[in-house]
């Protein structure tokens, strides 16, 4: 039997007035939450446009 997976995509957006600040503790909390639920991080990609970051897209997977 082949392994089957499900996927989840999560976007973490920057905070602050200019939306340029990321809170590492908050990001760790979110990533650890998904890890504790059995999700494995597959990719992380920055959403950039014109030199500004508009969030980080995290893709997770877990076996069904």
C-alpha atoms as a PDB file:
ATOM      1  CA  UNK A   1       0.000   0.000   0.000  1.00  0.00           C
ATOM      2  CA  UNK A   2       1.310   3.439  -0.927  1.00  0.00           C
ATOM      3  CA  UNK A   3       1.725   6.110   1.688  1.00  0.00           C
ATOM      4  CA  UNK A   4      -0.871   8.872   1.582  1.00  0.00           C
ATOM      5  CA  UNK A   5      -0.416  12.397   2.874  1.00  0.00           C
ATOM      6  CA  UNK A   6      -2.499  15.459   3.575  1.00  0.00           C
ATOM      7  CA  UNK A   7      -1.121  18.984   3.275  1.00  0.00           C
ATOM      8  CA  UNK A   8      -1.701  22.256   5.085  1.00  0.00           C
ATOM      9  CA  UNK A   9      -0.564  25.735   4.031  1.00  0.00           C
ATOM     10  CA  UNK A  10      -0.139  28.461   6.626  1.00  0.00           C
ATOM     11  CA  UNK A  11       0.790  32.128   6.040  1.00  0.00           C
ATOM     12  CA  UNK A  12       2.455  34.101   8.830  1.00  0.00           C
ATOM     13  CA  UNK A  13       2.329  37.820   8.124  1.00  0.00           C
ATOM     14  CA  UNK A  14       4.675  40.458   9.547  1.00  0.00           C
ATOM     15  CA  UNK A  15       3.513  42.747  12.358  1.00  0.00           C
ATOM     16  CA  UNK A  16       4.010  46.400  13.181  1.00  0.00           C
ATOM     17  CA  UNK A  17       3.071  49.690  11.596  1.00  0.00           C
ATOM     18  CA  UNK A  18       5.082  49.080   8.414  1.00  0.00           C
ATOM     19  CA  UNK A  19       4.421  45.334   8.532  1.00  0.00           C
ATOM     20  CA  UNK A  20       8.134  44.582   8.569  1.00  0.00           C
ATOM     21  CA  UNK A  21       8.605  42.862  11.940  1.00  0.00           C
ATOM     22  CA  UNK A  22       8.403  39.140  12.630  1.00  0.00           C
ATOM     23  CA  UNK A  23       8.150  37.831  16.177  1.00  0.00           C
ATOM     24  CA  UNK A  24      10.364  34.702  16.404  1.00  0.00           C
ATOM     25  CA  UNK A  25       8.643  33.512  19.610  1.00  0.00           C
ATOM     26  CA  UNK A  26       5.228  33.757  17.932  1.00  0.00           C
ATOM     27  CA  UNK A  27       6.494  31.931  14.847  1.00  0.00           C
ATOM     28  CA  UNK A  28       8.005  29.174  17.037  1.00  0.00           C
ATOM     29  CA  UNK A  29       4.705  28.818  18.880  1.00  0.00           C
ATOM     30  CA  UNK A  30       2.787  28.350  15.623  1.00  0.00           C
ATOM     31  CA  UNK A  31       5.341  25.936  14.120  1.00  0.00           C
ATOM     32  CA  UNK A  32       5.546  23.886  17.334  1.00  0.00           C
ATOM     33  CA  UNK A  33       1.751  23.695  17.486  1.00  0.00           C
ATOM     34  CA  UNK A  34       1.620  22.083  14.053  1.00  0.00           C
ATOM     35  CA  UNK A  35       4.562  19.817  14.882  1.00  0.00           C
ATOM     36  CA  UNK A  36       2.759  18.586  18.000  1.00  0.00           C
ATOM     37  CA  UNK A  37      -0.259  17.768  15.822  1.00  0.00           C
ATOM     38  CA  UNK A  38       1.916  15.529  13.635  1.00  0.00           C
ATOM     39  CA  UNK A  39       2.545  17.989  10.804  1.00  0.00           C
ATOM     40  CA  UNK A  40       6.026  18.022   9.235  1.00  0.00           C
ATOM     41  CA  UNK A  41       7.314  21.247   7.677  1.00  0.00           C
ATOM     42  CA  UNK A  42       8.046  20.686   3.976  1.00  0.00           C
ATOM     43  CA  UNK A  43       8.775  24.192   2.652  1.00  0.00           C
ATOM     44  CA  UNK A  44       8.932  27.803   3.753  1.00  0.00           C
ATOM     45  CA  UNK A  45       8.763  30.574   1.174  1.00  0.00           C
ATOM     46  CA  UNK A  46       8.762  34.338   1.577  1.00  0.00           C
ATOM     47  CA  UNK A  47       6.024  36.320  -0.191  1.00  0.00           C
ATOM     48  CA  UNK A  48       8.096  39.217  -1.507  1.00  0.00           C
ATOM     49  CA  UNK A  49       7.083  42.022  -3.800  1.00  0.00           C
ATOM     50  CA  UNK A  50       9.207  45.023  -4.693  1.00  0.00           C
ATOM     51  CA  UNK A  51      11.710  44.289  -1.939  1.00  0.00           C
ATOM     52  CA  UNK A  52       9.084  44.042   0.811  1.00  0.00           C
ATOM     53  CA  UNK A  53       7.993  40.868   2.553  1.00  0.00           C
ATOM     54  CA  UNK A  54       4.260  40.228   2.819  1.00  0.00           C
ATOM     55  CA  UNK A  55       4.459  37.021   4.820  1.00  0.00           C
ATOM     56  CA  UNK A  56       6.008  33.603   4.910  1.00  0.00           C
ATOM     57  CA  UNK A  57       4.146  30.661   3.422  1.00  0.00           C
ATOM     58  CA  UNK A  58       4.704  27.396   5.298  1.00  0.00           C
ATOM     59  CA  UNK A  59       3.644  24.076   3.790  1.00  0.00           C
ATOM     60  CA  UNK A  60       3.241  21.066   6.078  1.00  0.00           C
ATOM     61  CA  UNK A  61       2.401  17.430   5.438  1.00  0.00           C
ATOM     62  CA  UNK A  62       1.385  14.469   7.550  1.00  0.00           C
ATOM     63  CA  UNK A  63       0.661  10.875   6.754  1.00  0.00           C
ATOM     64  CA  UNK A  64      -2.962   9.748   6.651  1.00  0.00           C
END
